[in-house]
Amino acid sequence: MSNDVLGYSSHDWRKNTDDAVVVDDKNKLKVNESRVIFTNPKTLREETVDVSRLIRVFVNNFESQKRSVK
């Protein structure tokens, strides 16, 4: 299935996480349908972040670190 059919634009990171899942001991959740809700320790405000965005940040940071070590 192409990304166009899924409705993802060229800059939408979710196209890279379509087959990713969040798991615990009993369940699997689709990453693109999941969010993390947490209290920001600096502002004490409730925040919501798409799990696909967390993956994007992780990959970008990993690549940055790899380049900076060379």
C-alpha atoms as a PDB file:
ATOM      1  CA  MET A   1       0.000   0.000   0.000  1.00  0.00           C
ATOM      2  CA  SER A   2       1.494   3.345  -0.977  1.00  0.00           C
ATOM      3  CA  ASN A   3       1.834   6.286   1.399  1.00  0.00           C
ATOM      4  CA  ASP A   4      -0.500   8.330  -0.822  1.00  0.00           C
ATOM      5  CA  VAL A   5      -3.268   5.796  -0.271  1.00  0.00           C
ATOM      6  CA  LEU A   6      -2.702   6.013   3.488  1.00  0.00           C
ATOM      7  CA  GLY A   7      -3.073   9.805   3.313  1.00  0.00           C
ATOM      8  CA  TYR A   8       0.405  10.694   4.591  1.00  0.00           C
ATOM      9  CA  SER A   9       2.121  13.753   3.160  1.00  0.00           C
ATOM     10  CA  SER A  10       5.783  13.592   2.208  1.00  0.00           C
ATOM     11  CA  HIS A  11       6.856  15.205   5.513  1.00  0.00           C
ATOM     12  CA  ASP A  12       4.538  13.177   7.764  1.00  0.00           C
ATOM     13  CA  TRP A  13       6.708  10.939   9.949  1.00  0.00           C
ATOM     14  CA  ARG A  14       3.804   8.512  10.534  1.00  0.00           C
ATOM     15  CA  LYS A  15       4.497   7.001   7.111  1.00  0.00           C
ATOM     16  CA  ASN A  16       7.674   5.561   8.681  1.00  0.00           C
ATOM     17  CA  THR A  17       5.903   4.111  11.717  1.00  0.00           C
ATOM     18  CA  ASP A  18       2.828   2.571  10.108  1.00  0.00           C
ATOM     19  CA  ASP A  19       3.877  -0.980  11.047  1.00  0.00           C
ATOM     20  CA  ALA A  20       5.226  -0.088  14.528  1.00  0.00           C
ATOM     21  CA  VAL A  21       3.389  -1.201  17.658  1.00  0.00           C
ATOM     22  CA  VAL A  22       3.498  -0.337  21.362  1.00  0.00           C
ATOM     23  CA  VAL A  23       3.463  -3.468  23.520  1.00  0.00           C
ATOM     24  CA  ASP A  24       3.061  -4.485  27.089  1.00  0.00           C
ATOM     25  CA  ASP A  25       2.743  -8.000  28.513  1.00  0.00           C
ATOM     26  CA  LYS A  26      -0.768  -8.461  27.093  1.00  0.00           C
ATOM     27  CA  ASN A  27      -1.529  -5.949  24.350  1.00  0.00           C
ATOM     28  CA  LYS A  28      -0.279  -4.400  21.133  1.00  0.00           C
ATOM     29  CA  LEU A  29      -1.305  -0.882  20.122  1.00  0.00           C
ATOM     30  CA  LYS A  30      -0.669   0.736  16.748  1.00  0.00           C
ATOM     31  CA  VAL A  31       1.907   3.515  17.174  1.00  0.00           C
ATOM     32  CA  ASN A  32       0.104   5.861  14.800  1.00  0.00           C
ATOM     33  CA  GLU A  33      -3.009   5.566  16.926  1.00  0.00           C
ATOM     34  CA  SER A  34      -1.191   6.070  20.257  1.00  0.00           C
ATOM     35  CA  ARG A  35      -0.198   9.058  22.353  1.00  0.00           C
ATOM     36  CA  VAL A  36       1.704   9.539  25.579  1.00  0.00           C
ATOM     37  CA  ILE A  37       0.090  11.766  28.188  1.00  0.00           C
ATOM     38  CA  PHE A  38       2.382  12.922  30.972  1.00  0.00           C
ATOM     39  CA  THR A  39       3.081  15.748  33.391  1.00  0.00           C
ATOM     40  CA  ASN A  40       5.932  17.925  32.201  1.00  0.00           C
ATOM     41  CA  PRO A  41       8.314  18.099  35.190  1.00  0.00           C
ATOM     42  CA  LYS A  42       9.462  21.611  34.272  1.00  0.00           C
ATOM     43  CA  THR A  43       6.049  23.235  33.818  1.00  0.00           C
ATOM     44  CA  LEU A  44       3.901  20.764  35.811  1.00  0.00           C
ATOM     45  CA  ARG A  45       1.407  20.923  32.926  1.00  0.00           C
ATOM     46  CA  GLU A  46      -0.143  17.893  31.286  1.00  0.00           C
ATOM     47  CA  GLU A  47       1.364  17.230  27.851  1.00  0.00           C
ATOM     48  CA  THR A  48       0.335  14.917  25.028  1.00  0.00           C
ATOM     49  CA  VAL A  49       2.795  13.613  22.438  1.00  0.00           C
ATOM     50  CA  ASP A  50       2.181  11.259  19.505  1.00  0.00           C
ATOM     51  CA  VAL A  51       4.290   8.125  19.870  1.00  0.00           C
ATOM     52  CA  SER A  52       5.329   8.457  16.207  1.00  0.00           C
ATOM     53  CA  ARG A  53       6.867  11.846  17.074  1.00  0.00           C
ATOM     54  CA  LEU A  54       8.850  10.274  19.929  1.00  0.00           C
ATOM     55  CA  ILE A  55      10.238   7.741  17.445  1.00  0.00           C
ATOM     56  CA  ARG A  56      11.174  10.552  15.036  1.00  0.00           C
ATOM     57  CA  VAL A  57      13.016  12.421  17.808  1.00  0.00           C
ATOM     58  CA  PHE A  58      14.804   9.237  18.878  1.00  0.00           C
ATOM     59  CA  VAL A  59      15.964   8.454  15.326  1.00  0.00           C
ATOM     60  CA  ASN A  60      17.072  12.041  14.690  1.00  0.00           C
ATOM     61  CA  ASN A  61      19.001  12.167  17.982  1.00  0.00           C
ATOM     62  CA  PHE A  62      20.599   8.795  17.306  1.00  0.00           C
ATOM     63  CA  GLU A  63      21.757   9.940  13.865  1.00  0.00           C
ATOM     64  CA  SER A  64      23.053  13.251  15.278  1.00  0.00           C
ATOM     65  CA  GLN A  65      25.076  11.459  17.940  1.00  0.00           C
ATOM     66  CA  LYS A  66      26.512   9.055  15.391  1.00  0.00           C
ATOM     67  CA  ARG A  67      27.659  11.950  13.175  1.00  0.00           C
ATOM     68  CA  SER A  68      29.110  13.924  16.087  1.00  0.00           C
ATOM     69  CA  VAL A  69      31.282  11.002  17.231  1.00  0.00           C
ATOM     70  CA  LYS A  70      33.003  10.604  13.849  1.00  0.00           C
END
